[in-house]
C-alpha atoms as a PDB file:
ATOM      1  CA  UNK A   1     -18.304  27.200  12.852  1.00  0.00           C
ATOM      2  CA  UNK A   2     -16.041  26.346  15.789  1.00  0.00           C
ATOM      3  CA  UNK A   3     -15.773  22.799  17.009  1.00  0.00           C
ATOM      4  CA  UNK A   4     -15.564  23.555  20.747  1.00  0.00           C
ATOM      5  CA  UNK A   5     -18.010  25.099  23.177  1.00  0.00           C
ATOM      6  CA  UNK A   6     -16.744  27.849  25.520  1.00  0.00           C
ATOM      7  CA  UNK A   7     -16.439  25.269  28.282  1.00  0.00           C
ATOM      8  CA  UNK A   8     -14.327  23.040  26.054  1.00  0.00           C
ATOM      9  CA  UNK A   9     -12.197  26.006  25.031  1.00  0.00           C
ATOM     10  CA  UNK A  10     -11.506  26.797  28.692  1.00  0.00           C
ATOM     11  CA  UNK A  11     -10.669  23.170  29.345  1.00  0.00           C
ATOM     12  CA  UNK A  12      -8.388  23.065  26.316  1.00  0.00           C
ATOM     13  CA  UNK A  13      -6.597  26.254  27.377  1.00  0.00           C
ATOM     14  CA  UNK A  14      -6.041  24.926  30.882  1.00  0.00           C
ATOM     15  CA  UNK A  15      -4.878  21.563  29.589  1.00  0.00           C
ATOM     16  CA  UNK A  16      -2.404  23.091  27.165  1.00  0.00           C
ATOM     17  CA  UNK A  17      -1.040  25.413  29.845  1.00  0.00           C
ATOM     18  CA  UNK A  18      -0.403  22.424  32.083  1.00  0.00           C
ATOM     19  CA  UNK A  19       1.254  20.450  29.319  1.00  0.00           C
ATOM     20  CA  UNK A  20       3.409  23.380  28.310  1.00  0.00           C
ATOM     21  CA  UNK A  21       4.504  23.900  31.916  1.00  0.00           C
ATOM     22  CA  UNK A  22       5.381  20.275  32.696  1.00  0.00           C
ATOM     23  CA  UNK A  23       6.400  19.072  29.235  1.00  0.00           C
ATOM     24  CA  UNK A  24       4.381  15.902  29.898  1.00  0.00           C
ATOM     25  CA  UNK A  25       1.365  15.090  27.705  1.00  0.00           C
ATOM     26  CA  UNK A  26      -0.408  12.102  29.257  1.00  0.00           C
ATOM     27  CA  UNK A  27      -3.496  10.926  27.365  1.00  0.00           C
ATOM     28  CA  UNK A  28      -3.405   7.264  28.329  1.00  0.00           C
ATOM     29  CA  UNK A  29      -6.816   5.604  27.977  1.00  0.00           C
ATOM     30  CA  UNK A  30      -8.349   8.987  27.275  1.00  0.00           C
ATOM     31  CA  UNK A  31     -10.155   8.251  23.994  1.00  0.00           C
ATOM     32  CA  UNK A  32      -8.866  11.585  22.796  1.00  0.00           C
ATOM     33  CA  UNK A  33     -11.137  11.483  19.755  1.00  0.00           C
ATOM     34  CA  UNK A  34     -13.637  13.234  22.017  1.00  0.00           C
ATOM     35  CA  UNK A  35     -11.272  16.177  22.356  1.00  0.00           C
ATOM     36  CA  UNK A  36     -10.477  16.532  18.683  1.00  0.00           C
ATOM     37  CA  UNK A  37     -13.941  16.814  17.242  1.00  0.00           C
ATOM     38  CA  UNK A  38     -12.942  18.584  14.049  1.00  0.00           C
ATOM     39  CA  UNK A  39     -11.314  15.708  12.196  1.00  0.00           C
ATOM     40  CA  UNK A  40     -11.941  12.005  12.491  1.00  0.00           C
ATOM     41  CA  UNK A  41      -8.962  11.134  10.365  1.00  0.00           C
ATOM     42  CA  UNK A  42      -6.294  12.614  12.591  1.00  0.00           C
ATOM     43  CA  UNK A  43      -4.497  10.277  14.976  1.00  0.00           C
ATOM     44  CA  UNK A  44      -2.986  12.935  17.249  1.00  0.00           C
ATOM     45  CA  UNK A  45      -4.873  15.811  18.847  1.00  0.00           C
ATOM     46  CA  UNK A  46      -3.986  19.076  17.100  1.00  0.00           C
ATOM     47  CA  UNK A  47      -3.402  20.692  20.466  1.00  0.00           C
ATOM     48  CA  UNK A  48      -0.482  18.312  21.120  1.00  0.00           C
ATOM     49  CA  UNK A  49       1.162  19.095  17.812  1.00  0.00           C
ATOM     50  CA  UNK A  50       0.698  22.810  18.509  1.00  0.00           C
ATOM     51  CA  UNK A  51       2.972  22.528  21.548  1.00  0.00           C
ATOM     52  CA  UNK A  52       6.017  21.947  19.344  1.00  0.00           C
ATOM     53  CA  UNK A  53       9.207  22.207  21.386  1.00  0.00           C
ATOM     54  CA  UNK A  54       7.466  22.103  24.779  1.00  0.00           C
ATOM     55  CA  UNK A  55       6.762  18.366  24.709  1.00  0.00           C
ATOM     56  CA  UNK A  56       9.231  16.117  26.517  1.00  0.00           C
ATOM     57  CA  UNK A  57       6.964  13.119  27.099  1.00  0.00           C
ATOM     58  CA  UNK A  58       4.006  12.031  24.956  1.00  0.00           C
ATOM     59  CA  UNK A  59       1.892   9.103  26.166  1.00  0.00           C
ATOM     60  CA  UNK A  60      -1.061   8.090  24.002  1.00  0.00           C
ATOM     61  CA  UNK A  61      -1.273   4.506  25.220  1.00  0.00           C
ATOM     62  CA  UNK A  62      -4.489   2.614  24.562  1.00  0.00           C
ATOM     63  CA  UNK A  63      -6.507   5.082  22.538  1.00  0.00           C
ATOM     64  CA  UNK A  64      -8.142   2.643  20.166  1.00  0.00           C
ATOM     65  CA  UNK A  65     -11.709   2.524  21.408  1.00  0.00           C
ATOM     66  CA  UNK A  66     -13.395   1.424  18.185  1.00  0.00           C
ATOM     67  CA  UNK A  67     -16.887   1.498  19.616  1.00  0.00           C
ATOM     68  CA  UNK A  68     -16.552   5.095  20.764  1.00  0.00           C
ATOM     69  CA  UNK A  69     -15.040   6.151  17.455  1.00  0.00           C
ATOM     70  CA  UNK A  70     -17.844   4.512  15.523  1.00  0.00           C
ATOM     71  CA  UNK A  71     -20.532   6.063  17.711  1.00  0.00           C
ATOM     72  CA  UNK A  72     -19.034   9.519  17.323  1.00  0.00           C
ATOM     73  CA  UNK A  73     -18.742   9.138  13.579  1.00  0.00           C
ATOM     74  CA  UNK A  74     -22.308   7.933  13.210  1.00  0.00           C
ATOM     75  CA  UNK A  75     -23.485  10.794  15.412  1.00  0.00           C
ATOM     76  CA  UNK A  76     -21.720  13.293  13.152  1.00  0.00           C
ATOM     77  CA  UNK A  77     -23.181  11.665  10.066  1.00  0.00           C
ATOM     78  CA  UNK A  78     -26.638  12.017  11.580  1.00  0.00           C
ATOM     79  CA  UNK A  79     -25.952  15.696  12.203  1.00  0.00           C
ATOM     80  CA  UNK A  80     -24.908  16.163   8.603  1.00  0.00           C
ATOM     81  CA  UNK A  81     -21.392  17.194   9.543  1.00  0.00           C
ATOM     82  CA  UNK A  82     -19.743  14.730   7.188  1.00  0.00           C
ATOM     83  CA  UNK A  83     -20.606  15.289   3.565  1.00  0.00           C
ATOM     84  CA  UNK A  84     -18.980  12.252   1.994  1.00  0.00           C
ATOM     85  CA  UNK A  85     -19.236   8.539   2.558  1.00  0.00           C
ATOM     86  CA  UNK A  86     -16.722   7.174   5.052  1.00  0.00           C
ATOM     87  CA  UNK A  87     -15.267   3.681   5.247  1.00  0.00           C
ATOM     88  CA  UNK A  88     -15.834   3.562   8.980  1.00  0.00           C
ATOM     89  CA  UNK A  89     -14.732   0.014   9.729  1.00  0.00           C
ATOM     90  CA  UNK A  90     -11.460   0.228   7.814  1.00  0.00           C
ATOM     91  CA  UNK A  91     -10.666   3.628   9.317  1.00  0.00           C
ATOM     92  CA  UNK A  92     -11.218   2.288  12.808  1.00  0.00           C
ATOM     93  CA  UNK A  93      -8.851  -0.598  12.105  1.00  0.00           C
ATOM     94  CA  UNK A  94      -5.826   1.437  11.075  1.00  0.00           C
ATOM     95  CA  UNK A  95      -4.171   4.668  12.101  1.00  0.00           C
ATOM     96  CA  UNK A  96      -0.987   6.472  11.170  1.00  0.00           C
ATOM     97  CA  UNK A  97       1.380   8.648  13.117  1.00  0.00           C
ATOM     98  CA  UNK A  98       1.214  12.038  11.374  1.00  0.00           C
ATOM     99  CA  UNK A  99       4.239  13.612   9.711  1.00  0.00           C
ATOM    100  CA  UNK A 100       3.671  16.660  11.926  1.00  0.00           C
ATOM    101  CA  UNK A 101       5.106  14.728  14.853  1.00  0.00           C
ATOM    102  CA  UNK A 102       8.470  15.837  13.509  1.00  0.00           C
ATOM    103  CA  UNK A 103       7.785  19.229  15.080  1.00  0.00           C
ATOM    104  CA  UNK A 104       8.171  17.805  18.596  1.00  0.00           C
ATOM    105  CA  UNK A 105      11.949  18.014  18.415  1.00  0.00           C
ATOM    106  CA  UNK A 106      12.552  18.172  22.183  1.00  0.00           C
ATOM    107  CA  UNK A 107      10.515  15.072  22.965  1.00  0.00           C
ATOM    108  CA  UNK A 108      12.434  12.479  24.976  1.00  0.00           C
ATOM    109  CA  UNK A 109       9.784   9.799  25.459  1.00  0.00           C
ATOM    110  CA  UNK A 110       7.227   8.633  22.903  1.00  0.00           C
ATOM    111  CA  UNK A 111       4.723   6.080  24.204  1.00  0.00           C
ATOM    112  CA  UNK A 112       2.162   4.885  21.669  1.00  0.00           C
ATOM    113  CA  UNK A 113       1.549   1.370  22.963  1.00  0.00           C
ATOM    114  CA  UNK A 114      -1.697  -0.509  22.396  1.00  0.00           C
ATOM    115  CA  UNK A 115      -3.163   1.459  19.520  1.00  0.00           C
ATOM    116  CA  UNK A 116      -3.855   0.493  15.902  1.00  0.00           C
ATOM    117  CA  UNK A 117      -0.761   2.013  14.315  1.00  0.00           C
ATOM    118  CA  UNK A 118       0.391   0.354  11.100  1.00  0.00           C
ATOM    119  CA  UNK A 119       3.304   2.535  10.046  1.00  0.00           C
ATOM    120  CA  UNK A 120       5.654   5.231  11.267  1.00  0.00           C
ATOM    121  CA  UNK A 121       6.498   8.418   9.363  1.00  0.00           C
ATOM    122  CA  UNK A 122       9.842   8.692   7.612  1.00  0.00           C
ATOM    123  CA  UNK A 123      10.613  11.941   9.391  1.00  0.00           C
ATOM    124  CA  UNK A 124      10.788  10.073  12.699  1.00  0.00           C
ATOM    125  CA  UNK A 125      14.529  10.691  12.485  1.00  0.00           C
ATOM    126  CA  UNK A 126      13.963  14.379  13.207  1.00  0.00           C
ATOM    127  CA  UNK A 127      13.161  13.561  16.826  1.00  0.00           C
ATOM    128  CA  UNK A 128      16.813  13.693  17.800  1.00  0.00           C
ATOM    129  CA  UNK A 129      16.099  14.100  21.530  1.00  0.00           C
ATOM    130  CA  UNK A 130      14.232  10.805  21.871  1.00  0.00           C
ATOM    131  CA  UNK A 131      15.570   8.473  24.542  1.00  0.00           C
ATOM    132  CA  UNK A 132      12.677   6.015  24.788  1.00  0.00           C
ATOM    133  CA  UNK A 133      10.044   4.687  22.383  1.00  0.00           C
ATOM    134  CA  UNK A 134       7.239   2.248  23.242  1.00  0.00           C
ATOM    135  CA  UNK A 135       5.185   0.958  20.322  1.00  0.00           C
ATOM    136  CA  UNK A 136       4.006  -2.342  21.777  1.00  0.00           C
ATOM    137  CA  UNK A 137       0.668  -3.811  20.764  1.00  0.00           C
ATOM    138  CA  UNK A 138       0.184  -2.158  17.376  1.00  0.00           C
ATOM    139  CA  UNK A 139       0.169  -3.448  13.776  1.00  0.00           C
ATOM    140  CA  UNK A 140       3.529  -2.207  12.555  1.00  0.00           C
ATOM    141  CA  UNK A 141       5.101  -4.397   9.864  1.00  0.00           C
ATOM    142  CA  UNK A 142       8.217  -2.362   9.072  1.00  0.00           C
ATOM    143  CA  UNK A 143      10.382   0.246  10.743  1.00  0.00           C
ATOM    144  CA  UNK A 144      11.729   3.153   8.688  1.00  0.00           C
ATOM    145  CA  UNK A 145      15.477   3.315   8.012  1.00  0.00           C
ATOM    146  CA  UNK A 146      15.367   6.754   9.603  1.00  0.00           C
ATOM    147  CA  UNK A 147      15.110   5.024  12.971  1.00  0.00           C
ATOM    148  CA  UNK A 148      18.896   4.849  12.894  1.00  0.00           C
ATOM    149  CA  UNK A 149      19.065   8.639  13.137  1.00  0.00           C
ATOM    150  CA  UNK A 150      17.808   8.560  16.725  1.00  0.00           C
ATOM    151  CA  UNK A 151      21.316   8.377  18.126  1.00  0.00           C
ATOM    152  CA  UNK A 152      20.274   9.270  21.702  1.00  0.00           C
ATOM    153  CA  UNK A 153      17.751   6.442  21.884  1.00  0.00           C
ATOM    154  CA  UNK A 154      18.217   4.222  24.940  1.00  0.00           C
ATOM    155  CA  UNK A 155      15.048   2.128  25.012  1.00  0.00           C
ATOM    156  CA  UNK A 156      13.106   0.739  22.081  1.00  0.00           C
ATOM    157  CA  UNK A 157      10.157  -1.563  22.705  1.00  0.00           C
ATOM    158  CA  UNK A 158       8.043  -2.733  19.794  1.00  0.00           C
ATOM    159  CA  UNK A 159       6.697  -6.073  20.987  1.00  0.00           C
ATOM    160  CA  UNK A 160       3.347  -7.407  19.844  1.00  0.00           C
ATOM    161  CA  UNK A 161       3.476  -6.146  16.270  1.00  0.00           C
ATOM    162  CA  UNK A 162       3.928  -7.902  12.912  1.00  0.00           C
ATOM    163  CA  UNK A 163       7.543  -7.086  12.093  1.00  0.00           C
ATOM    164  CA  UNK A 164       9.227  -9.483   9.681  1.00  0.00           C
ATOM    165  CA  UNK A 165      12.617  -7.778   9.837  1.00  0.00           C
ATOM    166  CA  UNK A 166      14.513  -4.941  11.482  1.00  0.00           C
ATOM    167  CA  UNK A 167      16.296  -2.240   9.484  1.00  0.00           C
ATOM    168  CA  UNK A 168      20.071  -2.530   9.179  1.00  0.00           C
ATOM    169  CA  UNK A 169      20.262   1.051  10.410  1.00  0.00           C
ATOM    170  CA  UNK A 170      19.398  -0.163  13.900  1.00  0.00           C
ATOM    171  CA  UNK A 171      23.137  -0.642  14.312  1.00  0.00           C
ATOM    172  CA  UNK A 172      23.516   3.137  14.466  1.00  0.00           C
ATOM    173  CA  UNK A 173      21.795   3.197  17.855  1.00  0.00           C
ATOM    174  CA  UNK A 174      25.024   3.134  19.843  1.00  0.00           C
ATOM    175  CA  UNK A 175      23.357   4.324  23.079  1.00  0.00           C
ATOM    176  CA  UNK A 176      20.584   1.724  23.016  1.00  0.00           C
ATOM    177  CA  UNK A 177      20.317  -0.130  26.346  1.00  0.00           C
ATOM    178  CA  UNK A 178      17.100  -2.080  25.802  1.00  0.00           C
ATOM    179  CA  UNK A 179      15.681  -3.640  22.648  1.00  0.00           C
ATOM    180  CA  UNK A 180      12.389  -5.521  22.921  1.00  0.00           C
ATOM    181  CA  UNK A 181      11.090  -7.078  19.694  1.00  0.00           C
ATOM    182  CA  UNK A 182       9.186  -9.969  21.273  1.00  0.00           C
ATOM    183  CA  UNK A 183       5.992 -11.368  19.754  1.00  0.00           C
ATOM    184  CA  UNK A 184       6.579 -10.397  16.147  1.00  0.00           C
ATOM    185  CA  UNK A 185       7.245 -12.422  13.002  1.00  0.00           C
ATOM    186  CA  UNK A 186      11.030 -12.122  12.890  1.00  0.00           C
ATOM    187  CA  UNK A 187      13.049 -14.952  11.388  1.00  0.00           C
ATOM    188  CA  UNK A 188      16.408 -13.349  12.064  1.00  0.00           C
ATOM    189  CA  UNK A 189      18.091 -10.369  13.666  1.00  0.00           C
ATOM    190  CA  UNK A 190      20.236  -8.163  11.418  1.00  0.00           C
ATOM    191  CA  UNK A 191      24.005  -8.425  11.615  1.00  0.00           C
ATOM    192  CA  UNK A 192      24.082  -4.740  12.458  1.00  0.00           C
ATOM    193  CA  UNK A 193      22.524  -5.384  15.878  1.00  0.00           C
ATOM    194  CA  UNK A 194      26.056  -6.195  16.994  1.00  0.00           C
ATOM    195  CA  UNK A 195      26.904  -2.516  16.572  1.00  0.00           C
ATOM    196  CA  UNK A 196      24.509  -1.516  19.361  1.00  0.00           C
ATOM    197  CA  UNK A 197      27.521  -1.556  21.638  1.00  0.00           C
ATOM    198  CA  UNK A 198      25.713  -0.268  24.759  1.00  0.00           C
ATOM    199  CA  UNK A 199      22.949  -2.871  24.621  1.00  0.00           C
ATOM    200  CA  UNK A 200      22.244  -4.511  27.985  1.00  0.00           C
ATOM    201  CA  UNK A 201      18.893  -6.235  27.447  1.00  0.00           C
ATOM    202  CA  UNK A 202      17.693  -7.980  24.298  1.00  0.00           C
ATOM    203  CA  UNK A 203      14.217  -9.491  24.258  1.00  0.00           C
ATOM    204  CA  UNK A 204      13.127 -11.394  21.174  1.00  0.00           C
ATOM    205  CA  UNK A 205      10.702 -13.956  22.596  1.00  0.00           C
ATOM    206  CA  UNK A 206       7.886 -15.451  20.515  1.00  0.00           C
ATOM    207  CA  UNK A 207       9.297 -15.051  17.033  1.00  0.00           C
ATOM    208  CA  UNK A 208      10.594 -17.537  14.448  1.00  0.00           C
ATOM    209  CA  UNK A 209      14.306 -16.857  14.879  1.00  0.00           C
ATOM    210  CA  UNK A 210      16.526 -19.810  13.951  1.00  0.00           C
ATOM    211  CA  UNK A 211      19.953 -18.414  14.753  1.00  0.00           C
ATOM    212  CA  UNK A 212      21.651 -15.324  16.065  1.00  0.00           C
ATOM    213  CA  UNK A 213      24.123 -13.294  14.027  1.00  0.00           C
ATOM    214  CA  UNK A 214      27.744 -13.775  15.061  1.00  0.00           C
ATOM    215  CA  UNK A 215      27.941 -10.032  15.683  1.00  0.00           C
ATOM    216  CA  UNK A 216      25.941 -10.498  18.910  1.00  0.00           C
ATOM    217  CA  UNK A 217      29.265 -11.492  20.433  1.00  0.00           C
ATOM    218  CA  UNK A 218      30.293  -7.830  20.121  1.00  0.00           C
ATOM    219  CA  UNK A 219      27.730  -6.829  22.745  1.00  0.00           C
ATOM    220  CA  UNK A 220      30.141  -6.741  25.654  1.00  0.00           C
ATOM    221  CA  UNK A 221      27.640  -4.963  27.927  1.00  0.00           C
ATOM    222  CA  UNK A 222      24.803  -7.438  27.285  1.00  0.00           C
ATOM    223  CA  UNK A 223      23.358  -8.698  30.578  1.00  0.00           C
ATOM    224  CA  UNK A 224      20.140 -10.409  29.541  1.00  0.00           C
ATOM    225  CA  UNK A 225      19.226 -12.337  26.397  1.00  0.00           C
ATOM    226  CA  UNK A 226      15.673 -13.696  26.064  1.00  0.00           C
ATOM    227  CA  UNK A 227      14.752 -15.864  23.094  1.00  0.00           C
ATOM    228  CA  UNK A 228      11.916 -18.003  24.427  1.00  0.00           C
ATOM    229  CA  UNK A 229       9.640 -19.738  21.933  1.00  0.00           C
ATOM    230  CA  UNK A 230      11.712 -19.443  18.782  1.00  0.00           C
ATOM    231  CA  UNK A 231      13.436 -22.011  16.566  1.00  0.00           C
ATOM    232  CA  UNK A 232      16.981 -21.504  17.809  1.00  0.00           C
ATOM    233  CA  UNK A 233      19.127 -24.594  17.332  1.00  0.00           C
ATOM    234  CA  UNK A 234      22.421 -23.033  18.293  1.00  0.00           C
ATOM    235  CA  UNK A 235      23.888 -19.762  19.447  1.00  0.00           C
ATOM    236  CA  UNK A 236      27.234 -18.267  18.382  1.00  0.00           C
ATOM    237  CA  UNK A 237      29.965 -20.433  19.942  1.00  0.00           C
ATOM    238  CA  UNK A 238      31.830 -17.455  21.397  1.00  0.00           C
ATOM    239  CA  UNK A 239      28.778 -15.799  22.950  1.00  0.00           C
ATOM    240  CA  UNK A 240      29.495 -16.752  26.561  1.00  0.00           C
ATOM    241  CA  UNK A 241      33.191 -16.084  26.175  1.00  0.00           C
ATOM    242  CA  UNK A 242      32.894 -12.657  24.550  1.00  0.00           C
ATOM    243  CA  UNK A 243      29.779 -11.315  26.307  1.00  0.00           C
ATOM    244  CA  UNK A 244      31.394 -11.156  29.719  1.00  0.00           C
ATOM    245  CA  UNK A 245      28.604  -9.152  31.312  1.00  0.00           C
ATOM    246  CA  UNK A 246      25.958 -11.748  30.377  1.00  0.00           C
ATOM    247  CA  UNK A 247      24.035 -13.001  33.402  1.00  0.00           C
ATOM    248  CA  UNK A 248      20.676 -14.175  32.073  1.00  0.00           C
ATOM    249  CA  UNK A 249      19.879 -16.387  29.096  1.00  0.00           C
ATOM    250  CA  UNK A 250      16.372 -17.663  28.476  1.00  0.00           C
ATOM    251  CA  UNK A 251      15.882 -20.152  25.641  1.00  0.00           C
ATOM    252  CA  UNK A 252      12.754 -21.976  26.693  1.00  0.00           C
ATOM    253  CA  UNK A 253      10.865 -23.745  23.889  1.00  0.00           C
ATOM    254  CA  UNK A 254      13.776 -23.875  21.456  1.00  0.00           C
ATOM    255  CA  UNK A 255      15.425 -26.966  19.946  1.00  0.00           C
ATOM    256  CA  UNK A 256      18.840 -26.125  21.450  1.00  0.00           C
ATOM    257  CA  UNK A 257      20.078 -28.779  23.885  1.00  0.00           C
ATOM    258  CA  UNK A 258      21.511 -28.523  27.373  1.00  0.00           C
ATOM    259  CA  UNK A 259      24.697 -30.287  26.297  1.00  0.00           C
ATOM    260  CA  UNK A 260      25.321 -27.750  23.558  1.00  0.00           C
ATOM    261  CA  UNK A 261      24.967 -24.930  26.014  1.00  0.00           C
ATOM    262  CA  UNK A 262      27.108 -26.423  28.767  1.00  0.00           C
ATOM    263  CA  UNK A 263      29.910 -27.283  26.362  1.00  0.00           C
ATOM    264  CA  UNK A 264      30.265 -23.743  25.127  1.00  0.00           C
ATOM    265  CA  UNK A 265      33.487 -21.970  25.961  1.00  0.00           C
ATOM    266  CA  UNK A 266      32.879 -19.557  28.801  1.00  0.00           C
ATOM    267  CA  UNK A 267      30.015 -21.530  30.336  1.00  0.00           C
ATOM    268  CA  UNK A 268      31.618 -21.809  33.772  1.00  0.00           C
ATOM    269  CA  UNK A 269      32.336 -18.094  33.918  1.00  0.00           C
ATOM    270  CA  UNK A 270      28.755 -17.404  32.861  1.00  0.00           C
ATOM    271  CA  UNK A 271      27.454 -19.643  35.637  1.00  0.00           C
ATOM    272  CA  UNK A 272      29.610 -17.860  38.195  1.00  0.00           C
ATOM    273  CA  UNK A 273      28.171 -14.505  37.158  1.00  0.00           C
ATOM    274  CA  UNK A 274      24.665 -15.891  37.312  1.00  0.00           C
ATOM    275  CA  UNK A 275      25.119 -17.313  40.772  1.00  0.00           C
ATOM    276  CA  UNK A 276      26.652 -14.111  42.020  1.00  0.00           C
ATOM    277  CA  UNK A 277      23.713 -12.061  40.770  1.00  0.00           C
ATOM    278  CA  UNK A 278      20.830 -14.263  41.857  1.00  0.00           C
ATOM    279  CA  UNK A 279      22.390 -16.153  44.772  1.00  0.00           C
ATOM    280  CA  UNK A 280      20.444 -19.278  43.911  1.00  0.00           C
ATOM    281  CA  UNK A 281      21.531 -22.882  44.196  1.00  0.00           C
ATOM    282  CA  UNK A 282      19.205 -24.842  41.962  1.00  0.00           C
ATOM    283  CA  UNK A 283      21.470 -27.584  40.646  1.00  0.00           C
ATOM    284  CA  UNK A 284      23.713 -25.624  38.332  1.00  0.00           C
ATOM    285  CA  UNK A 285      21.147 -22.778  38.211  1.00  0.00           C
ATOM    286  CA  UNK A 286      20.012 -23.943  34.783  1.00  0.00           C
ATOM    287  CA  UNK A 287      16.517 -25.396  34.446  1.00  0.00           C
ATOM    288  CA  UNK A 288      15.783 -27.672  31.530  1.00  0.00           C
ATOM    289  CA  UNK A 289      12.410 -28.471  30.024  1.00  0.00           C
ATOM    290  CA  UNK A 290      11.649 -31.224  27.552  1.00  0.00           C
ATOM    291  CA  UNK A 291      11.470 -28.640  24.788  1.00  0.00           C
ATOM    292  CA  UNK A 292      14.687 -26.785  25.358  1.00  0.00           C
ATOM    293  CA  UNK A 293      16.734 -24.703  27.718  1.00  0.00           C
ATOM    294  CA  UNK A 294      15.403 -22.063  30.038  1.00  0.00           C
ATOM    295  CA  UNK A 295      17.877 -20.117  32.112  1.00  0.00           C
ATOM    296  CA  UNK A 296      15.054 -19.447  34.525  1.00  0.00           C
ATOM    297  CA  UNK A 297      15.927 -16.009  35.851  1.00  0.00           C
ATOM    298  CA  UNK A 298      13.382 -14.555  38.290  1.00  0.00           C
ATOM    299  CA  UNK A 299      14.298 -11.048  37.217  1.00  0.00           C
ATOM    300  CA  UNK A 300      11.839 -10.502  34.373  1.00  0.00           C
ATOM    301  CA  UNK A 301      12.565  -7.415  32.375  1.00  0.00           C
ATOM    302  CA  UNK A 302       9.785  -4.889  32.800  1.00  0.00           C
ATOM    303  CA  UNK A 303      10.911  -2.448  30.199  1.00  0.00           C
ATOM    304  CA  UNK A 304       8.369   0.261  30.955  1.00  0.00           C
ATOM    305  CA  UNK A 305       8.453   0.223  34.743  1.00  0.00           C
ATOM    306  CA  UNK A 306      11.311   2.676  35.222  1.00  0.00           C
ATOM    307  CA  UNK A 307      10.629   5.132  32.428  1.00  0.00           C
ATOM    308  CA  UNK A 308       8.838   7.648  34.578  1.00  0.00           C
ATOM    309  CA  UNK A 309      11.698   7.719  37.091  1.00  0.00           C
ATOM    310  CA  UNK A 310      14.395   7.670  34.444  1.00  0.00           C
ATOM    311  CA  UNK A 311      13.136  10.514  32.311  1.00  0.00           C
ATOM    312  CA  UNK A 312      11.211  12.778  34.652  1.00  0.00           C
ATOM    313  CA  UNK A 313      13.113  15.502  36.429  1.00  0.00           C
END
């Protein structure tokens, strides 16, 4: 017996034609479980996976409506459509990205923010066209080593998860411009992060990081470094000297002192760059709190704001 009425079939055909034409699959806040009535254990609509090479952008942000999922599942149980007992609550609390996502080899943007994803498939590395990934607000504890195969990747945002470490293979992402790992459980950044030679923005706020690897000094294109609310006592002594593009440093709520920062080699040059960019005269343009140092830049990094402009067209 088919799972769709004729009206739903028409809607599905029209929807797929539009997606195939534009290459953009936007299902943000759509509770797509309503569209994929055949299987409650899939995390992607089959119709998306059927598009294969046509998909350039996939946005499934905020599709974790537990109440709706539960209601649908109970409704199907009442109708006798499910023949075995289901652990409804545990299913609703965890989802996986299916291995079949590896078929979307022309996809450039993958946006899966604010879901209940716990892990990523190992074949993620097959998505060689990816330039941007947003996985914020999930439950991911580890990233697969295959992440390093995404050599075209420019933006990786995975804030608000439960990561305890990053894979060493992240150093293979030589085109990476933005890395956002804020609000995780990281105690350190891997030495290999210093091989992300194109990196311009590094956000690692709200972790438990105590020190930065010396290799960060290799990031000669780094413009903004945000480490608010960590346990950083010192930063590599050559950071300001070697990272000559650096304009913003935010270290609020860390035990590092103002004196340590000001005495670093390259501090004056850093201040000159900062003043040139922001044109502000607030003392020495460094604001100090009782808990640490906060560079105080007004230019907060909104890592998702430009993705539509950057990758459409």
